[in-house]
Amino acid sequence: MSGAGFAAFLIGFLICVLSGPVLIPFLLRLKIGQTVRDDGPESHLKKNGTPTMGGIMFLVALPIASLPFVKGRSEMIPILFMTFGFALIGFIDDYIKVVLKRAMGLRAWEKLSMQFVVTIVFVYYMVCKSGIDMTMIIPFTHGRSVDAGILTIPMIFFVVLGTVNGANFTDGLDGLATKVTLVISGFFFAIALKTGSGAEPVILAMIGALLGFLVYNSHPAKVFMGDTGSLALGAFVVSCAYMFRMPLFILIVAFIYLAEVISVILQVGYFKLTHGKRIFKMAPIHHHFELCGLEETKVVEIFTIVTVVLCFIGYMAFV
């Protein structure tokens, strides 16, 4: 770990930890609280009123910890852009839901349109400005790559939107999205070390900030990250993957994101086709396991352990 990376990690952690006693009471005074679905696990009803939009904590820490080290590290710029571009979308959605009291937040087409705009800018940078080879490394081939050709740009949109919304669906249990993304970030840090990438400080800043956030987000959570945080985390992961030419590895290391979003798609599709029948007791799938009898903390532990194993497999698939 370089001195810049260590400093970014430590600054990110300290800012996030120290911001908690300030931001959480502030969110409580503003009555920016979570509204829990009454058709979900009964144990979640006590979470009503827990402050949300806490993703602001690690989003404040991230630039302060990483921007001092950005000079000469152009790889950090698109990662920061994507993280904050999607964070803004999440913030608007949260603000509408918890401040303006419009339960559904942004309409689906509004949210998707905003996500498309941010992704368009990312695509333009990656294809026209970054100088990064847009071929994708194939897992388990010792560095061989494939060129998607005319499908490259459509695939970026598909991977970005799928990953971001997968992270969003993963944020449903205390510490779940935080821990899963921490592990995935650790994977990309290992890749950064292996490749000598200049993205190391921003990845370590995120790892430090998420560890600091976990102080308040682990069970029982004192604050939730909201869409502000979850959309940002998905964008962080997918932009790291593209900076390392590793979008195919998302299928391995971010499998939990994938499982969450697919469970929602299957549930909604099957419900409509069968006029009311369900595949899962509740979607996203982490709620299904809860309703099957697993405690919330056990589901989080299992999903985190699965991610650790998959990230190890992903690293072995790279080297």
Protein backbone atom coordinates (compact mmCIF):
# COMPACT_ATOMS: atom_id res chain seq x y z
CA MET A 1 0.00 0.00 0.00
CA SER A 2 1.39 3.40 -0.97
CA GLY A 3 1.56 6.33 1.44
CA ALA A 4 -1.18 8.05 -0.57
CA GLY A 5 -3.38 4.98 -0.31
CA PHE A 6 -2.88 4.65 3.44
CA ALA A 7 -3.62 8.36 3.96
CA ALA A 8 -6.77 8.13 1.80
CA PHE A 9 -7.97 5.11 3.77
CA LEU A 10 -7.36 6.73 7.15
CA ILE A 11 -8.90 10.08 6.20
CA GLY A 12 -11.97 8.39 4.72
CA PHE A 13 -12.47 6.30 7.85
CA LEU A 14 -11.99 9.15 10.33
CA ILE A 15 -14.25 11.61 8.47
CA CYS A 16 -17.06 9.07 8.27
CA VAL A 17 -16.76 8.04 11.92
CA LEU A 18 -16.59 11.62 13.16
CA SER A 19 -19.48 12.78 10.96
CA GLY A 20 -21.91 10.28 12.49
CA PRO A 21 -22.59 12.08 15.78
CA VAL A 22 -23.23 15.27 13.79
CA LEU A 23 -25.21 14.06 10.77
CA ILE A 24 -27.41 11.40 12.39
CA PRO A 25 -28.99 13.78 14.98
CA PHE A 26 -29.35 16.35 12.19
CA LEU A 27 -31.29 13.86 10.04
CA LEU A 28 -33.43 12.97 13.07
CA ARG A 29 -34.28 16.64 13.66
CA LEU A 30 -35.30 16.97 10.02
CA LYS A 31 -37.43 13.83 10.46
CA ILE A 32 -35.73 12.22 7.46
CA GLY A 33 -36.74 8.72 8.51
CA GLN A 34 -37.21 5.43 6.74
CA THR A 35 -40.74 4.13 6.11
CA VAL A 36 -40.75 0.33 6.31
CA ARG A 37 -43.08 -1.81 4.19
CA ASP A 38 -45.81 -3.32 6.36
CA ASP A 39 -45.91 -6.49 4.21
CA GLY A 40 -42.31 -7.38 5.09
CA PRO A 41 -40.77 -9.15 8.08
CA GLU A 42 -42.33 -8.00 11.36
CA SER A 43 -38.89 -7.43 12.86
CA HIS A 44 -38.40 -4.56 10.43
CA LEU A 45 -41.34 -2.52 11.73
CA LYS A 46 -39.23 -1.20 14.60
CA LYS A 47 -36.95 0.41 12.00
CA ASN A 48 -39.63 2.94 11.09
CA GLY A 49 -38.23 6.42 11.57
CA THR A 50 -34.55 5.38 11.45
CA PRO A 51 -32.72 8.20 9.64
CA THR A 52 -32.00 7.57 5.98
CA MET A 53 -29.84 9.39 3.40
CA GLY A 54 -26.86 8.42 5.56
CA GLY A 55 -24.90 7.70 2.39
CA ILE A 56 -24.02 11.38 2.59
CA MET A 57 -21.53 10.38 5.30
CA PHE A 58 -19.26 8.31 3.07
CA LEU A 59 -19.93 10.54 0.07
CA VAL A 60 -18.54 13.51 2.00
CA ALA A 61 -15.55 11.46 3.13
CA LEU A 62 -14.71 10.05 -0.32
CA PRO A 63 -13.64 13.25 -2.16
CA ILE A 64 -11.92 14.76 0.88
CA ALA A 65 -9.88 11.58 1.28
CA SER A 66 -9.09 10.95 -2.39
CA LEU A 67 -8.90 14.29 -4.26
CA PRO A 68 -5.59 15.36 -2.64
CA PHE A 69 -4.01 12.40 -4.45
CA VAL A 70 -5.71 12.74 -7.84
CA LYS A 71 -2.80 14.47 -9.59
CA GLY A 72 -1.24 12.06 -12.05
CA ARG A 73 -3.97 9.49 -11.40
CA SER A 74 -6.52 10.06 -14.15
CA GLU A 75 -8.07 6.65 -13.41
CA MET A 76 -9.73 8.18 -10.34
CA ILE A 77 -11.73 10.80 -12.24
CA PRO A 78 -14.37 8.58 -13.96
CA ILE A 79 -14.81 6.58 -10.74
CA LEU A 80 -15.55 9.75 -8.78
CA PHE A 81 -17.78 11.10 -11.55
CA MET A 82 -19.91 7.96 -11.70
CA THR A 83 -20.12 7.66 -7.92
CA PHE A 84 -21.36 11.22 -7.47
CA GLY A 85 -23.47 11.28 -10.62
CA PHE A 86 -25.56 8.37 -9.38
CA ALA A 87 -25.42 9.66 -5.80
CA LEU A 88 -27.16 12.83 -7.01
CA ILE A 89 -29.93 10.76 -8.58
CA GLY A 90 -30.34 8.84 -5.35
CA PHE A 91 -30.34 12.04 -3.32
CA ILE A 92 -33.14 13.51 -5.44
CA ASP A 93 -35.12 10.28 -5.08
CA ASP A 94 -34.62 10.21 -1.29
CA TYR A 95 -35.48 13.90 -0.96
CA ILE A 96 -38.78 13.41 -2.78
CA LYS A 97 -39.64 10.38 -0.64
CA VAL A 98 -38.66 11.51 2.84
CA VAL A 99 -38.81 15.30 2.67
CA LEU A 100 -41.57 15.96 0.14
CA LYS A 101 -43.40 12.83 1.39
CA ARG A 102 -44.08 11.37 -2.05
CA ALA A 103 -43.81 7.70 -1.15
CA MET A 104 -42.61 6.37 -4.51
CA GLY A 105 -39.93 9.03 -4.99
CA LEU A 106 -38.86 9.60 -8.57
CA ARG A 107 -41.06 7.98 -11.18
CA ALA A 108 -39.42 5.01 -12.88
CA TRP A 109 -38.96 6.85 -16.17
CA GLU A 110 -37.50 9.87 -14.40
CA LYS A 111 -34.94 7.80 -12.52
CA LEU A 112 -34.04 5.76 -15.60
CA SER A 113 -33.67 8.90 -17.72
CA MET A 114 -31.27 10.44 -15.21
CA GLN A 115 -29.28 7.22 -15.05
CA PHE A 116 -29.03 7.20 -18.84
CA VAL A 117 -27.70 10.76 -18.87
CA VAL A 118 -24.92 9.99 -16.37
CA THR A 119 -24.06 6.79 -18.23
CA ILE A 120 -23.89 8.62 -21.56
CA VAL A 121 -21.22 10.94 -20.16
CA PHE A 122 -19.32 7.94 -18.78
CA VAL A 123 -19.54 6.13 -22.12
CA TYR A 124 -18.30 9.20 -23.99
CA TYR A 125 -15.31 9.53 -21.67
CA MET A 126 -14.42 5.85 -21.76
CA VAL A 127 -14.74 5.44 -25.53
CA CYS A 128 -13.49 8.84 -26.75
CA LYS A 129 -11.25 10.33 -24.06
CA SER A 130 -9.84 7.76 -21.66
CA GLY A 131 -7.51 5.91 -23.98
CA ILE A 132 -8.46 2.71 -22.18
CA ASP A 133 -8.77 -0.40 -24.31
CA MET A 134 -12.46 -1.28 -24.37
CA THR A 135 -11.82 -4.99 -24.74
CA MET A 136 -12.91 -7.05 -21.74
CA ILE A 137 -10.67 -9.44 -19.84
CA ILE A 138 -12.14 -12.94 -19.82
CA PRO A 139 -12.07 -14.70 -16.43
CA PHE A 140 -9.85 -17.80 -16.08
CA THR A 141 -7.93 -17.14 -19.33
CA HIS A 142 -4.75 -15.58 -17.89
CA GLY A 143 -5.52 -12.13 -19.27
CA ARG A 144 -7.04 -12.90 -22.64
CA SER A 145 -9.66 -10.38 -23.74
CA VAL A 146 -12.63 -10.13 -26.03
CA ASP A 147 -13.87 -7.21 -28.12
CA ALA A 148 -17.65 -6.81 -28.08
CA GLY A 149 -17.48 -4.72 -31.25
CA ILE A 150 -20.68 -2.85 -32.02
CA LEU A 151 -22.17 -4.22 -28.80
CA THR A 152 -19.59 -2.44 -26.64
CA ILE A 153 -21.65 0.68 -25.97
CA PRO A 154 -25.01 -1.08 -25.46
CA MET A 155 -23.24 -3.48 -23.11
CA ILE A 156 -21.85 -0.62 -21.02
CA PHE A 157 -25.37 0.72 -20.53
CA PHE A 158 -26.66 -2.75 -19.63
CA VAL A 159 -23.84 -3.48 -17.16
CA VAL A 160 -23.94 -0.03 -15.55
CA LEU A 161 -27.69 0.08 -15.04
CA GLY A 162 -27.84 -3.55 -13.92
CA THR A 163 -25.04 -3.13 -11.37
CA VAL A 164 -26.29 0.17 -9.99
CA ASN A 165 -29.83 -1.05 -9.51
CA GLY A 166 -28.57 -4.38 -8.15
CA ALA A 167 -26.72 -2.47 -5.43
CA ASN A 168 -29.88 -0.47 -4.79
CA PHE A 169 -31.92 -3.65 -4.23
CA THR A 170 -29.19 -5.09 -2.00
CA ASP A 171 -29.67 -2.23 0.45
CA GLY A 172 -32.48 -3.70 2.52
CA LEU A 173 -30.90 -5.13 5.68
CA ASP A 174 -28.68 -3.53 8.30
CA GLY A 175 -25.15 -3.40 6.92
CA LEU A 176 -25.84 -5.66 3.93
CA ALA A 177 -25.02 -3.34 1.02
CA THR A 178 -22.17 -1.82 3.04
CA LYS A 179 -20.49 -5.14 3.82
CA VAL A 180 -20.98 -6.65 0.37
CA THR A 181 -19.57 -3.54 -1.30
CA LEU A 182 -16.69 -3.42 1.18
CA VAL A 183 -15.64 -6.90 0.11
CA ILE A 184 -15.99 -6.06 -3.60
CA SER A 185 -13.95 -2.88 -3.05
CA GLY A 186 -11.28 -5.01 -1.39
CA PHE A 187 -11.20 -7.14 -4.54
CA PHE A 188 -10.63 -4.09 -6.72
CA PHE A 189 -7.93 -2.85 -4.35
CA ALA A 190 -6.14 -6.17 -4.83
CA ILE A 191 -6.47 -5.72 -8.61
CA ALA A 192 -5.13 -2.17 -8.33
CA LEU A 193 -2.08 -3.45 -6.48
CA LYS A 194 -1.57 -6.25 -8.99
CA THR A 195 -1.80 -3.94 -12.02
CA GLY A 196 -0.11 -0.86 -10.54
CA SER A 197 -3.19 1.23 -11.28
CA GLY A 198 -3.45 4.82 -10.14
CA ALA A 199 -6.96 4.14 -8.81
CA GLU A 200 -5.62 2.81 -5.50
CA PRO A 201 -6.27 5.98 -3.39
CA VAL A 202 -9.93 6.34 -4.37
CA ILE A 203 -10.60 2.65 -3.73
CA LEU A 204 -8.94 2.80 -0.32
CA ALA A 205 -10.77 6.03 0.48
CA MET A 206 -14.05 4.21 -0.20
CA ILE A 207 -12.99 1.21 1.88
CA GLY A 208 -12.08 3.46 4.80
CA ALA A 209 -15.29 5.47 4.48
CA LEU A 210 -17.47 2.35 4.34
CA LEU A 211 -15.78 0.91 7.42
CA GLY A 212 -16.52 4.18 9.19
CA PHE A 213 -20.12 4.10 7.99
CA LEU A 214 -20.48 0.52 9.21
CA VAL A 215 -19.98 1.77 12.77
CA TYR A 216 -23.49 3.26 12.47
CA ASN A 217 -25.03 1.02 9.79
CA SER A 218 -24.37 -2.42 11.30
CA HIS A 219 -27.20 -4.13 13.19
CA PRO A 220 -29.07 -2.48 14.81
CA ALA A 221 -28.58 0.32 12.33
CA LYS A 222 -28.62 3.89 13.60
CA VAL A 223 -28.76 5.19 10.03
CA PHE A 224 -29.53 3.84 6.56
CA MET A 225 -27.66 4.89 3.42
CA GLY A 226 -30.79 5.44 1.31
CA ASP A 227 -30.75 5.55 -2.48
CA THR A 228 -28.20 8.34 -2.08
CA GLY A 229 -25.70 5.76 -0.90
CA SER A 230 -26.78 2.56 -2.65
CA LEU A 231 -26.85 4.00 -6.17
CA ALA A 232 -23.45 5.57 -5.52
CA LEU A 233 -22.01 2.23 -4.39
CA GLY A 234 -23.24 0.42 -7.49
CA ALA A 235 -21.75 3.15 -9.68
CA PHE A 236 -18.46 2.95 -7.80
CA VAL A 237 -18.23 -0.81 -8.36
CA VAL A 238 -19.12 -0.76 -12.05
CA SER A 239 -16.81 2.17 -12.85
CA CYS A 240 -13.93 0.37 -11.11
CA ALA A 241 -14.71 -2.71 -13.19
CA TYR A 242 -14.52 -0.74 -16.43
CA MET A 243 -11.35 1.08 -15.44
CA PHE A 244 -9.71 -2.36 -15.05
CA ARG A 245 -11.42 -3.77 -18.19
CA MET A 246 -13.22 -6.27 -15.96
CA PRO A 247 -16.99 -5.89 -16.47
CA LEU A 248 -17.30 -9.67 -16.97
CA PHE A 249 -15.94 -10.16 -13.45
CA ILE A 250 -18.99 -8.39 -12.03
CA LEU A 251 -20.91 -11.60 -12.68
CA ILE A 252 -18.58 -13.27 -10.17
CA VAL A 253 -17.62 -10.73 -7.52
CA ALA A 254 -20.95 -8.84 -7.46
CA PHE A 255 -23.12 -11.93 -7.75
CA ILE A 256 -25.17 -10.79 -4.76
CA TYR A 257 -26.15 -7.62 -6.66
CA LEU A 258 -27.11 -9.81 -9.62
CA ALA A 259 -29.15 -12.22 -7.51
CA GLU A 260 -31.04 -9.36 -5.86
CA VAL A 261 -32.02 -7.64 -9.11
CA ILE A 262 -32.91 -10.91 -10.87
CA SER A 263 -35.11 -11.94 -7.94
CA VAL A 264 -37.09 -8.71 -8.32
CA ILE A 265 -37.42 -9.12 -12.10
CA LEU A 266 -38.59 -12.73 -11.73
CA GLN A 267 -41.01 -11.87 -8.93
CA VAL A 268 -42.63 -8.98 -10.80
CA GLY A 269 -42.76 -10.85 -14.11
CA TYR A 270 -44.22 -14.01 -12.60
CA PHE A 271 -46.73 -12.00 -10.57
CA LYS A 272 -48.04 -10.31 -13.72
CA LEU A 273 -48.08 -13.47 -15.82
CA THR A 274 -49.93 -15.52 -13.20
CA HIS A 275 -52.18 -12.69 -11.99
CA GLY A 276 -50.99 -12.68 -8.41
CA LYS A 277 -48.79 -15.73 -7.78
CA ARG A 278 -45.24 -15.36 -6.44
CA ILE A 279 -41.97 -17.26 -6.80
CA PHE A 280 -40.46 -15.86 -3.59
CA LYS A 281 -42.17 -15.03 -0.33
CA MET A 282 -40.85 -11.50 -0.86
CA ALA A 283 -38.37 -9.81 -3.16
CA PRO A 284 -35.54 -8.78 -3.17
CA ILE A 285 -34.33 -12.23 -2.25
CA HIS A 286 -32.78 -11.29 1.11
CA HIS A 287 -36.33 -10.74 2.42
CA HIS A 288 -37.32 -14.19 1.14
CA PHE A 289 -34.66 -15.79 3.33
CA GLU A 290 -35.84 -13.74 6.31
CA LEU A 291 -39.42 -14.89 5.82
CA CYS A 292 -38.11 -18.47 5.59
CA GLY A 293 -36.88 -18.09 9.16
CA LEU A 294 -33.31 -16.81 8.96
CA GLU A 295 -32.47 -13.90 11.23
CA GLU A 296 -31.52 -10.64 9.56
CA THR A 297 -27.97 -10.78 10.89
CA LYS A 298 -27.56 -14.35 9.61
CA VAL A 299 -28.67 -13.37 6.11
CA VAL A 300 -26.15 -10.51 6.12
CA GLU A 301 -23.39 -12.85 7.32
CA ILE A 302 -24.16 -15.44 4.65
CA PHE A 303 -24.35 -12.91 1.80
CA THR A 304 -21.08 -11.34 2.97
CA ILE A 305 -19.31 -14.70 3.23
CA VAL A 306 -20.56 -15.67 -0.23
CA THR A 307 -19.13 -12.40 -1.57
CA VAL A 308 -15.78 -13.03 0.12
CA VAL A 309 -15.57 -16.48 -1.50
CA LEU A 310 -16.62 -15.15 -4.90
CA CYS A 311 -14.09 -12.30 -4.74
CA PHE A 312 -11.37 -14.83 -3.98
CA ILE A 313 -12.52 -16.86 -6.99
CA GLY A 314 -12.60 -13.66 -9.04
CA TYR A 315 -9.01 -12.86 -8.10
CA MET A 316 -7.90 -16.37 -9.02
CA ALA A 317 -9.76 -15.92 -12.32
CA PHE A 318 -7.67 -12.80 -13.01
CA VAL A 319 -4.12 -13.83 -12.13
